[in-house]
Amino acid sequence: MLYRSLVLQNRIGRAFTGPSRSKLDYISRKMCLRDAEVTPKLRFAKLSEHATVPSKGSESAAGFDLSSAYEYVVPAHGKVVALTDLQIAVPEGCYGRVAPRSGLAAKKFIDVGAGVIDFDYRGNVGVVLFNFGDEDFKVSEGDRIAQLICEKICYPQLEELKTLDETERGVGGFGSTGTK
């Protein structure tokens, strides 16, 4: 077993410097295919008969549409927390990002906020809807109001230092790098 491991390391090492680059590409593709075979599951439970199963607009859509379980009116320049009556368990190593639906944002000035579902959260998923328009916005039961995107997350350890290393950018922010 140790011999096989050393041979593999040697082949991978040569792949960076010599003509066996294709071997590294082959190994990388195989590892990606292997990882793709394990499909993570987005688990959910309906909390009432008003809940709607999350759905995707297309096979390759990034997010699952979330629907309102009840009727609401989001006042002009106001906000509402619209309940979905869903409990959601995102896959391990991920968090759920609640994002706006592009059509609502572009046509009705509806945005979402506070959109993080932690791995260990098991409450009723609510969607904070902001209305930046000049007219009230009516939400009906079953309306798709947001989308849930599962994103991988890194859990770093905190390390406090006296100072941080200098960078070329430094403290520049809020447009300091220009627009072009």
N, C-alpha and C. Protein backbone atom coordinates (compact mmCIF):
# COMPACT_ATOMS: atom_id res chain seq x y z
N MET A 1 0.83 -1.19 0.00
CA MET A 1 0.00 0.00 0.00
C MET A 1 0.87 1.25 0.00
N LEU A 2 1.92 1.26 0.82
CA LEU A 2 2.82 2.40 0.86
C LEU A 2 3.47 2.60 -0.51
N TYR A 3 3.84 1.51 -1.17
CA TYR A 3 4.45 1.60 -2.49
C TYR A 3 3.50 2.29 -3.47
N ARG A 4 2.21 1.89 -3.47
CA ARG A 4 1.23 2.51 -4.37
C ARG A 4 1.09 4.00 -4.09
N SER A 5 1.08 4.35 -2.80
CA SER A 5 0.96 5.75 -2.42
C SER A 5 2.16 6.55 -2.94
N LEU A 6 3.37 6.00 -2.79
CA LEU A 6 4.56 6.69 -3.27
C LEU A 6 4.55 6.82 -4.79
N VAL A 7 4.11 5.78 -5.48
CA VAL A 7 4.02 5.83 -6.94
C VAL A 7 3.05 6.92 -7.36
N LEU A 8 1.89 6.99 -6.70
CA LEU A 8 0.89 8.02 -7.03
C LEU A 8 1.46 9.40 -6.77
N GLN A 9 2.13 9.58 -5.61
CA GLN A 9 2.73 10.89 -5.32
C GLN A 9 3.77 11.25 -6.37
N ASN A 10 4.57 10.27 -6.78
CA ASN A 10 5.60 10.52 -7.77
C ASN A 10 4.96 10.92 -9.10
N ARG A 11 3.90 10.23 -9.50
CA ARG A 11 3.23 10.57 -10.75
C ARG A 11 2.61 11.96 -10.68
N ILE A 12 1.98 12.28 -9.57
CA ILE A 12 1.39 13.60 -9.43
C ILE A 12 2.48 14.66 -9.44
N GLY A 13 3.58 14.41 -8.73
CA GLY A 13 4.69 15.36 -8.72
C GLY A 13 5.26 15.59 -10.10
N ARG A 14 5.46 14.53 -10.88
CA ARG A 14 5.97 14.66 -12.24
C ARG A 14 4.99 15.39 -13.13
N ALA A 15 3.70 15.28 -12.82
CA ALA A 15 2.69 15.91 -13.67
C ALA A 15 2.88 17.42 -13.72
N PHE A 16 3.42 18.01 -12.66
CA PHE A 16 3.63 19.45 -12.66
C PHE A 16 4.85 19.86 -13.47
N THR A 17 5.83 18.98 -13.61
CA THR A 17 7.09 19.38 -14.23
C THR A 17 7.37 18.71 -15.56
N GLY A 18 6.71 17.62 -15.86
CA GLY A 18 7.07 16.88 -17.05
C GLY A 18 5.92 16.60 -17.97
N PRO A 19 6.12 15.66 -18.86
CA PRO A 19 5.13 15.37 -19.89
C PRO A 19 3.90 14.63 -19.38
N SER A 20 3.83 14.26 -18.10
CA SER A 20 2.69 13.49 -17.62
C SER A 20 1.60 14.39 -17.02
N ARG A 21 1.48 15.61 -17.51
CA ARG A 21 0.43 16.54 -17.05
C ARG A 21 -0.95 15.91 -17.23
N SER A 22 -1.15 15.15 -18.30
CA SER A 22 -2.46 14.55 -18.56
C SER A 22 -2.85 13.58 -17.45
N LYS A 23 -1.89 12.96 -16.79
CA LYS A 23 -2.21 12.05 -15.69
C LYS A 23 -2.84 12.82 -14.53
N LEU A 24 -2.30 14.00 -14.22
CA LEU A 24 -2.89 14.81 -13.16
C LEU A 24 -4.30 15.24 -13.54
N ASP A 25 -4.48 15.65 -14.79
CA ASP A 25 -5.81 16.04 -15.25
C ASP A 25 -6.78 14.87 -15.12
N TYR A 26 -6.32 13.67 -15.48
CA TYR A 26 -7.15 12.48 -15.40
C TYR A 26 -7.56 12.21 -13.94
N ILE A 27 -6.58 12.29 -13.03
CA ILE A 27 -6.87 12.05 -11.61
C ILE A 27 -7.84 13.11 -11.10
N SER A 28 -7.63 14.37 -11.46
CA SER A 28 -8.53 15.44 -11.02
C SER A 28 -9.94 15.21 -11.51
N ARG A 29 -10.08 14.83 -12.78
CA ARG A 29 -11.42 14.57 -13.34
C ARG A 29 -12.09 13.42 -12.61
N LYS A 30 -11.33 12.36 -12.34
CA LYS A 30 -11.88 11.20 -11.63
C LYS A 30 -12.35 11.60 -10.23
N MET A 31 -11.57 12.43 -9.54
CA MET A 31 -11.95 12.84 -8.20
C MET A 31 -13.22 13.69 -8.25
N CYS A 32 -13.32 14.58 -9.23
CA CYS A 32 -14.52 15.41 -9.37
C CYS A 32 -15.74 14.54 -9.67
N LEU A 33 -15.58 13.57 -10.55
CA LEU A 33 -16.69 12.69 -10.89
C LEU A 33 -17.11 11.89 -9.67
N ARG A 34 -16.13 11.42 -8.90
CA ARG A 34 -16.45 10.66 -7.70
C ARG A 34 -17.23 11.52 -6.72
N ASP A 35 -16.79 12.75 -6.51
CA ASP A 35 -17.48 13.65 -5.59
C ASP A 35 -18.87 13.99 -6.11
N ALA A 36 -19.04 14.10 -7.41
CA ALA A 36 -20.34 14.44 -7.99
C ALA A 36 -21.35 13.31 -7.83
N GLU A 37 -20.85 12.08 -7.67
CA GLU A 37 -21.76 10.94 -7.52
C GLU A 37 -22.49 10.97 -6.18
N VAL A 38 -21.94 11.65 -5.19
CA VAL A 38 -22.57 11.77 -3.89
C VAL A 38 -23.40 13.05 -3.90
N THR A 39 -24.68 12.91 -4.20
CA THR A 39 -25.55 14.07 -4.31
C THR A 39 -26.06 14.47 -2.93
N PRO A 40 -25.74 15.71 -2.49
CA PRO A 40 -26.25 16.14 -1.19
C PRO A 40 -27.76 16.29 -1.22
N LYS A 41 -28.37 16.22 -0.06
CA LYS A 41 -29.83 16.33 0.04
C LYS A 41 -30.21 17.59 0.81
N LEU A 42 -31.16 18.33 0.27
CA LEU A 42 -31.77 19.45 0.97
C LEU A 42 -33.05 18.91 1.58
N ARG A 43 -33.02 18.68 2.89
CA ARG A 43 -34.17 18.08 3.57
C ARG A 43 -35.11 19.18 4.04
N PHE A 44 -36.41 18.89 4.01
CA PHE A 44 -37.39 19.87 4.47
C PHE A 44 -38.60 19.16 5.05
N ALA A 45 -39.35 19.89 5.87
CA ALA A 45 -40.61 19.39 6.43
C ALA A 45 -41.63 20.52 6.34
N LYS A 46 -42.84 20.16 5.93
CA LYS A 46 -43.94 21.13 5.91
C LYS A 46 -44.50 21.27 7.32
N LEU A 47 -44.68 22.49 7.77
CA LEU A 47 -45.23 22.75 9.09
C LEU A 47 -46.74 22.92 9.07
N SER A 48 -47.31 23.10 7.88
CA SER A 48 -48.77 23.25 7.75
C SER A 48 -49.17 22.89 6.32
N GLU A 49 -50.47 22.85 6.11
CA GLU A 49 -50.99 22.59 4.76
C GLU A 49 -50.79 23.80 3.84
N HIS A 50 -50.37 24.92 4.40
CA HIS A 50 -50.13 26.13 3.60
C HIS A 50 -48.74 26.13 2.95
N ALA A 51 -47.86 25.26 3.41
CA ALA A 51 -46.49 25.22 2.89
C ALA A 51 -46.47 24.66 1.47
N THR A 52 -45.53 25.17 0.68
CA THR A 52 -45.34 24.72 -0.70
C THR A 52 -43.95 24.09 -0.81
N VAL A 53 -43.86 22.96 -1.49
CA VAL A 53 -42.59 22.28 -1.69
C VAL A 53 -41.65 23.20 -2.48
N PRO A 54 -40.41 23.40 -2.01
CA PRO A 54 -39.46 24.21 -2.79
C PRO A 54 -39.29 23.63 -4.18
N SER A 55 -39.18 24.50 -5.17
CA SER A 55 -39.07 24.03 -6.56
C SER A 55 -38.02 24.83 -7.31
N LYS A 56 -37.52 24.23 -8.39
CA LYS A 56 -36.54 24.92 -9.24
C LYS A 56 -37.23 25.32 -10.54
N GLY A 57 -36.91 26.52 -11.02
CA GLY A 57 -37.49 27.01 -12.26
C GLY A 57 -36.97 26.25 -13.48
N SER A 58 -35.76 25.70 -13.37
CA SER A 58 -35.18 24.89 -14.44
C SER A 58 -34.20 23.91 -13.81
N GLU A 59 -33.81 22.92 -14.55
CA GLU A 59 -32.91 21.88 -14.04
C GLU A 59 -31.60 22.47 -13.52
N SER A 60 -31.09 23.50 -14.18
CA SER A 60 -29.80 24.08 -13.80
C SER A 60 -29.93 25.34 -12.97
N ALA A 61 -31.11 25.65 -12.48
CA ALA A 61 -31.30 26.84 -11.65
C ALA A 61 -30.44 26.73 -10.39
N ALA A 62 -29.87 27.83 -9.96
CA ALA A 62 -29.00 27.83 -8.79
C ALA A 62 -29.78 27.64 -7.50
N GLY A 63 -31.02 28.12 -7.46
CA GLY A 63 -31.77 28.08 -6.22
C GLY A 63 -33.11 27.39 -6.33
N PHE A 64 -33.64 27.06 -5.16
CA PHE A 64 -34.99 26.51 -5.05
C PHE A 64 -35.92 27.65 -4.66
N ASP A 65 -37.01 27.82 -5.40
CA ASP A 65 -37.96 28.88 -5.09
C ASP A 65 -38.67 28.58 -3.78
N LEU A 66 -38.79 29.62 -2.95
CA LEU A 66 -39.53 29.54 -1.69
C LEU A 66 -40.82 30.31 -1.86
N SER A 67 -41.91 29.75 -1.35
CA SER A 67 -43.23 30.36 -1.51
C SER A 67 -43.80 30.80 -0.17
N SER A 68 -44.61 31.84 -0.22
CA SER A 68 -45.27 32.34 0.98
C SER A 68 -46.39 31.39 1.38
N ALA A 69 -46.52 31.15 2.67
CA ALA A 69 -47.59 30.29 3.16
C ALA A 69 -48.87 31.08 3.42
N TYR A 70 -48.78 32.40 3.42
CA TYR A 70 -49.93 33.23 3.77
C TYR A 70 -49.97 34.48 2.90
N GLU A 71 -51.07 35.22 3.01
CA GLU A 71 -51.19 36.50 2.31
C GLU A 71 -50.57 37.60 3.16
N TYR A 72 -49.90 38.51 2.48
CA TYR A 72 -49.29 39.67 3.14
C TYR A 72 -49.43 40.87 2.23
N VAL A 73 -49.33 42.05 2.81
CA VAL A 73 -49.17 43.28 2.04
C VAL A 73 -47.88 43.92 2.54
N VAL A 74 -46.93 44.09 1.62
CA VAL A 74 -45.68 44.76 1.96
C VAL A 74 -45.87 46.23 1.60
N PRO A 75 -45.96 47.10 2.61
CA PRO A 75 -46.24 48.50 2.30
C PRO A 75 -45.11 49.15 1.51
N ALA A 76 -45.46 50.16 0.72
CA ALA A 76 -44.46 50.92 -0.01
C ALA A 76 -43.38 51.39 0.97
N HIS A 77 -42.13 51.16 0.61
CA HIS A 77 -40.97 51.54 1.42
C HIS A 77 -40.99 50.87 2.80
N GLY A 78 -41.66 49.72 2.89
CA GLY A 78 -41.75 49.00 4.16
C GLY A 78 -41.22 47.58 4.04
N LYS A 79 -41.49 46.79 5.06
CA LYS A 79 -41.01 45.41 5.07
C LYS A 79 -42.01 44.51 5.78
N VAL A 80 -41.90 43.21 5.48
CA VAL A 80 -42.73 42.17 6.09
C VAL A 80 -41.88 40.92 6.19
N VAL A 81 -42.09 40.13 7.24
CA VAL A 81 -41.49 38.80 7.32
C VAL A 81 -42.56 37.82 6.88
N ALA A 82 -42.36 37.24 5.69
CA ALA A 82 -43.32 36.28 5.13
C ALA A 82 -42.90 34.87 5.50
N LEU A 83 -43.76 34.15 6.19
CA LEU A 83 -43.45 32.78 6.60
C LEU A 83 -43.69 31.80 5.45
N THR A 84 -42.83 30.78 5.38
CA THR A 84 -42.98 29.74 4.36
C THR A 84 -43.64 28.49 4.94
N ASP A 85 -43.69 28.38 6.25
CA ASP A 85 -44.15 27.17 6.95
C ASP A 85 -43.33 25.94 6.55
N LEU A 86 -42.04 26.17 6.32
CA LEU A 86 -41.10 25.09 6.03
C LEU A 86 -39.99 25.09 7.06
N GLN A 87 -39.59 23.89 7.47
CA GLN A 87 -38.33 23.70 8.18
C GLN A 87 -37.37 23.17 7.14
N ILE A 88 -36.15 23.66 7.16
CA ILE A 88 -35.18 23.25 6.15
C ILE A 88 -33.89 22.82 6.84
N ALA A 89 -33.32 21.71 6.38
CA ALA A 89 -32.02 21.24 6.84
C ALA A 89 -31.09 21.24 5.64
N VAL A 90 -30.17 22.20 5.61
CA VAL A 90 -29.23 22.27 4.49
C VAL A 90 -28.18 21.17 4.65
N PRO A 91 -27.55 20.77 3.55
CA PRO A 91 -26.52 19.72 3.63
C PRO A 91 -25.37 20.15 4.54
N GLU A 92 -24.74 19.17 5.17
CA GLU A 92 -23.60 19.45 6.04
C GLU A 92 -22.51 20.15 5.24
N GLY A 93 -21.88 21.13 5.86
CA GLY A 93 -20.83 21.90 5.19
C GLY A 93 -21.37 23.04 4.35
N CYS A 94 -22.68 23.28 4.47
CA CYS A 94 -23.33 24.35 3.69
C CYS A 94 -24.15 25.24 4.61
N TYR A 95 -24.56 26.36 4.06
CA TYR A 95 -25.59 27.19 4.67
C TYR A 95 -26.56 27.54 3.56
N GLY A 96 -27.76 27.94 3.92
CA GLY A 96 -28.74 28.34 2.92
C GLY A 96 -28.75 29.85 2.81
N ARG A 97 -28.59 30.35 1.59
CA ARG A 97 -28.66 31.80 1.36
C ARG A 97 -30.00 32.11 0.72
N VAL A 98 -30.81 32.92 1.39
CA VAL A 98 -32.09 33.34 0.84
C VAL A 98 -31.82 34.57 -0.03
N ALA A 99 -32.11 34.43 -1.31
CA ALA A 99 -31.79 35.47 -2.29
C ALA A 99 -33.07 35.96 -2.97
N PRO A 100 -33.03 37.17 -3.51
CA PRO A 100 -34.22 37.69 -4.20
C PRO A 100 -34.48 36.94 -5.51
N ARG A 101 -35.71 36.98 -5.96
CA ARG A 101 -36.05 36.48 -7.29
C ARG A 101 -35.88 37.67 -8.23
N SER A 102 -35.20 37.44 -9.33
CA SER A 102 -34.83 38.55 -10.22
C SER A 102 -36.04 39.30 -10.75
N GLY A 103 -37.11 38.61 -11.08
CA GLY A 103 -38.30 39.26 -11.61
C GLY A 103 -38.95 40.20 -10.61
N LEU A 104 -39.03 39.78 -9.35
CA LEU A 104 -39.61 40.65 -8.32
C LEU A 104 -38.72 41.88 -8.10
N ALA A 105 -37.42 41.68 -8.13
CA ALA A 105 -36.51 42.80 -7.91
C ALA A 105 -36.59 43.80 -9.07
N ALA A 106 -36.55 43.30 -10.30
CA ALA A 106 -36.52 44.17 -11.47
C ALA A 106 -37.85 44.84 -11.76
N LYS A 107 -38.95 44.12 -11.55
CA LYS A 107 -40.26 44.65 -11.94
C LYS A 107 -41.02 45.32 -10.81
N LYS A 108 -40.83 44.85 -9.57
CA LYS A 108 -41.64 45.33 -8.45
C LYS A 108 -40.82 45.97 -7.33
N PHE A 109 -39.50 46.04 -7.48
CA PHE A 109 -38.61 46.64 -6.48
C PHE A 109 -38.65 45.89 -5.14
N ILE A 110 -38.84 44.57 -5.19
CA ILE A 110 -38.89 43.74 -3.98
C ILE A 110 -37.53 43.07 -3.79
N ASP A 111 -36.96 43.25 -2.60
CA ASP A 111 -35.68 42.65 -2.26
C ASP A 111 -35.85 41.83 -0.98
N VAL A 112 -34.86 41.01 -0.66
CA VAL A 112 -34.91 40.23 0.58
C VAL A 112 -33.72 40.60 1.45
N GLY A 113 -33.85 40.36 2.75
CA GLY A 113 -32.76 40.64 3.67
C GLY A 113 -32.63 39.55 4.71
N ALA A 114 -31.55 39.66 5.50
CA ALA A 114 -31.28 38.71 6.58
C ALA A 114 -31.39 37.28 6.10
N GLY A 115 -30.75 36.99 4.97
CA GLY A 115 -30.97 35.72 4.29
C GLY A 115 -29.97 34.62 4.53
N VAL A 116 -29.76 34.22 5.77
CA VAL A 116 -28.86 33.11 6.06
C VAL A 116 -29.60 32.06 6.88
N ILE A 117 -29.58 30.82 6.40
CA ILE A 117 -30.13 29.70 7.16
C ILE A 117 -28.96 28.82 7.57
N ASP A 118 -28.66 28.81 8.86
CA ASP A 118 -27.55 28.03 9.38
C ASP A 118 -27.86 26.54 9.32
N PHE A 119 -26.79 25.74 9.30
CA PHE A 119 -26.91 24.29 9.23
C PHE A 119 -27.77 23.74 10.36
N ASP A 120 -27.70 24.34 11.55
CA ASP A 120 -28.41 23.80 12.70
C ASP A 120 -29.75 24.49 12.98
N TYR A 121 -30.21 25.40 12.12
CA TYR A 121 -31.50 26.07 12.33
C TYR A 121 -32.63 25.14 11.91
N ARG A 122 -33.66 25.03 12.76
CA ARG A 122 -34.79 24.15 12.46
C ARG A 122 -36.13 24.86 12.64
N GLY A 123 -36.14 26.18 12.65
CA GLY A 123 -37.39 26.90 12.80
C GLY A 123 -38.10 27.11 11.48
N ASN A 124 -39.25 27.78 11.56
CA ASN A 124 -40.03 28.14 10.38
C ASN A 124 -39.22 29.16 9.57
N VAL A 125 -38.95 28.87 8.32
CA VAL A 125 -38.17 29.79 7.48
C VAL A 125 -39.04 30.98 7.11
N GLY A 126 -38.58 32.15 7.53
CA GLY A 126 -39.24 33.40 7.17
C GLY A 126 -38.38 34.16 6.19
N VAL A 127 -39.03 34.89 5.31
CA VAL A 127 -38.31 35.69 4.31
C VAL A 127 -38.62 37.16 4.58
N VAL A 128 -37.58 37.95 4.85
CA VAL A 128 -37.75 39.38 5.05
C VAL A 128 -37.86 40.03 3.67
N LEU A 129 -39.04 40.56 3.37
CA LEU A 129 -39.29 41.22 2.09
C LEU A 129 -39.25 42.72 2.28
N PHE A 130 -38.41 43.40 1.51
CA PHE A 130 -38.34 44.86 1.51
C PHE A 130 -38.99 45.37 0.23
N ASN A 131 -39.85 46.35 0.36
CA ASN A 131 -40.50 46.97 -0.80
C ASN A 131 -39.87 48.35 -1.00
N PHE A 132 -39.05 48.48 -2.03
CA PHE A 132 -38.42 49.76 -2.35
C PHE A 132 -39.25 50.57 -3.34
N GLY A 133 -40.43 50.05 -3.69
CA GLY A 133 -41.31 50.73 -4.63
C GLY A 133 -42.21 51.74 -3.95
N ASP A 134 -42.94 52.49 -4.78
CA ASP A 134 -43.85 53.53 -4.29
C ASP A 134 -45.27 53.02 -4.08
N GLU A 135 -45.52 51.73 -4.39
CA GLU A 135 -46.86 51.15 -4.21
C GLU A 135 -46.77 49.93 -3.30
N ASP A 136 -47.85 49.67 -2.56
CA ASP A 136 -47.91 48.46 -1.74
C ASP A 136 -47.78 47.24 -2.65
N PHE A 137 -47.21 46.17 -2.12
CA PHE A 137 -47.03 44.94 -2.88
C PHE A 137 -47.79 43.82 -2.18
N LYS A 138 -48.71 43.18 -2.90
CA LYS A 138 -49.52 42.11 -2.33
C LYS A 138 -48.87 40.76 -2.60
N VAL A 139 -48.75 39.97 -1.54
CA VAL A 139 -48.25 38.60 -1.62
C VAL A 139 -49.42 37.68 -1.34
N SER A 140 -49.67 36.74 -2.24
CA SER A 140 -50.74 35.75 -2.04
C SER A 140 -50.14 34.44 -1.56
N GLU A 141 -50.95 33.63 -0.90
CA GLU A 141 -50.51 32.30 -0.49
C GLU A 141 -50.04 31.54 -1.72
N GLY A 142 -48.86 30.93 -1.63
CA GLY A 142 -48.31 30.15 -2.73
C GLY A 142 -47.44 30.94 -3.69
N ASP A 143 -47.40 32.27 -3.55
CA ASP A 143 -46.52 33.07 -4.42
C ASP A 143 -45.06 32.76 -4.12
N ARG A 144 -44.27 32.62 -5.18
CA ARG A 144 -42.83 32.42 -5.03
C ARG A 144 -42.21 33.78 -4.70
N ILE A 145 -41.58 33.87 -3.55
CA ILE A 145 -41.12 35.17 -3.05
C ILE A 145 -39.60 35.30 -2.94
N ALA A 146 -38.88 34.20 -2.96
CA ALA A 146 -37.43 34.23 -2.82
C ALA A 146 -36.88 32.91 -3.34
N GLN A 147 -35.56 32.80 -3.34
CA GLN A 147 -34.95 31.52 -3.70
C GLN A 147 -33.90 31.16 -2.66
N LEU A 148 -33.77 29.87 -2.44
CA LEU A 148 -32.81 29.34 -1.48
C LEU A 148 -31.66 28.72 -2.24
N ILE A 149 -30.45 29.23 -2.00
CA ILE A 149 -29.25 28.72 -2.64
C ILE A 149 -28.37 28.09 -1.57
N CYS A 150 -27.99 26.84 -1.76
CA CYS A 150 -27.09 26.16 -0.83
C CYS A 150 -25.66 26.49 -1.22
N GLU A 151 -24.92 27.04 -0.28
CA GLU A 151 -23.53 27.42 -0.54
C GLU A 151 -22.62 26.74 0.46
N LYS A 152 -21.45 26.29 -0.03
CA LYS A 152 -20.46 25.70 0.88
C LYS A 152 -19.92 26.79 1.78
N ILE A 153 -19.53 26.38 2.96
CA ILE A 153 -19.04 27.35 3.95
C ILE A 153 -17.76 26.85 4.58
N CYS A 154 -16.92 27.79 4.95
CA CYS A 154 -15.67 27.50 5.66
C CYS A 154 -15.85 27.95 7.11
N TYR A 155 -15.44 27.14 8.05
CA TYR A 155 -15.52 27.48 9.46
C TYR A 155 -14.10 27.72 10.00
N PRO A 156 -13.55 28.91 9.79
CA PRO A 156 -12.17 29.16 10.23
C PRO A 156 -12.09 29.35 11.74
N GLN A 157 -10.91 29.11 12.27
CA GLN A 157 -10.64 29.42 13.67
C GLN A 157 -10.22 30.88 13.74
N LEU A 158 -10.62 31.54 14.82
CA LEU A 158 -10.20 32.93 15.02
C LEU A 158 -8.77 32.97 15.54
N GLU A 159 -8.01 33.93 15.04
CA GLU A 159 -6.66 34.16 15.52
C GLU A 159 -6.47 35.66 15.67
N GLU A 160 -6.33 36.11 16.90
CA GLU A 160 -6.14 37.54 17.15
C GLU A 160 -4.66 37.88 17.05
N LEU A 161 -4.35 38.95 16.31
CA LEU A 161 -2.98 39.42 16.17
C LEU A 161 -2.92 40.88 16.63
N LYS A 162 -1.72 41.35 16.92
CA LYS A 162 -1.54 42.77 17.28
C LYS A 162 -1.77 43.65 16.05
N THR A 163 -1.22 43.23 14.91
CA THR A 163 -1.41 43.96 13.65
C THR A 163 -1.49 42.93 12.53
N LEU A 164 -2.00 43.36 11.40
CA LEU A 164 -2.05 42.50 10.22
C LEU A 164 -0.99 42.94 9.22
N ASP A 165 -0.65 42.04 8.30
CA ASP A 165 0.35 42.37 7.30
C ASP A 165 -0.17 43.47 6.36
N GLU A 166 0.74 44.24 5.82
CA GLU A 166 0.39 45.32 4.90
C GLU A 166 0.07 44.73 3.53
N THR A 167 -0.87 45.37 2.82
CA THR A 167 -1.17 44.99 1.44
C THR A 167 -1.08 46.22 0.56
N GLU A 168 -1.00 46.02 -0.73
CA GLU A 168 -0.94 47.15 -1.66
C GLU A 168 -2.20 48.01 -1.54
N ARG A 169 -3.33 47.38 -1.36
CA ARG A 169 -4.60 48.12 -1.26
C ARG A 169 -4.71 48.88 0.06
N GLY A 170 -4.25 48.28 1.13
CA GLY A 170 -4.31 48.95 2.42
C GLY A 170 -5.73 49.13 2.91
N VAL A 171 -6.06 50.35 3.34
CA VAL A 171 -7.37 50.64 3.91
C VAL A 171 -8.36 51.14 2.88
N GLY A 172 -7.98 51.18 1.61
CA GLY A 172 -8.88 51.69 0.57
C GLY A 172 -10.14 50.84 0.45
N GLY A 173 -11.28 51.49 0.43
CA GLY A 173 -12.56 50.81 0.29
C GLY A 173 -13.59 51.74 -0.30
N PHE A 174 -14.80 51.26 -0.45
CA PHE A 174 -15.92 52.07 -0.92
C PHE A 174 -15.59 52.80 -2.22
N GLY A 175 -15.16 52.05 -3.22
CA GLY A 175 -14.91 52.64 -4.53
C GLY A 175 -13.49 53.09 -4.76
N SER A 176 -12.59 52.80 -3.83
CA SER A 176 -11.21 53.29 -3.96
C SER A 176 -10.47 52.68 -5.14
N THR A 177 -10.94 51.55 -5.66
CA THR A 177 -10.25 50.94 -6.80
C THR A 177 -10.81 51.42 -8.13
N GLY A 178 -11.80 52.32 -8.10
CA GLY A 178 -12.35 52.88 -9.34
C GLY A 178 -13.45 52.02 -9.92
N THR A 179 -13.95 52.46 -11.08
CA THR A 179 -15.04 51.74 -11.75
C THR A 179 -14.61 51.14 -13.08
N LYS A 180 -13.44 51.49 -13.58
CA LYS A 180 -12.98 50.95 -14.87
C LYS A 180 -11.61 50.36 -14.76
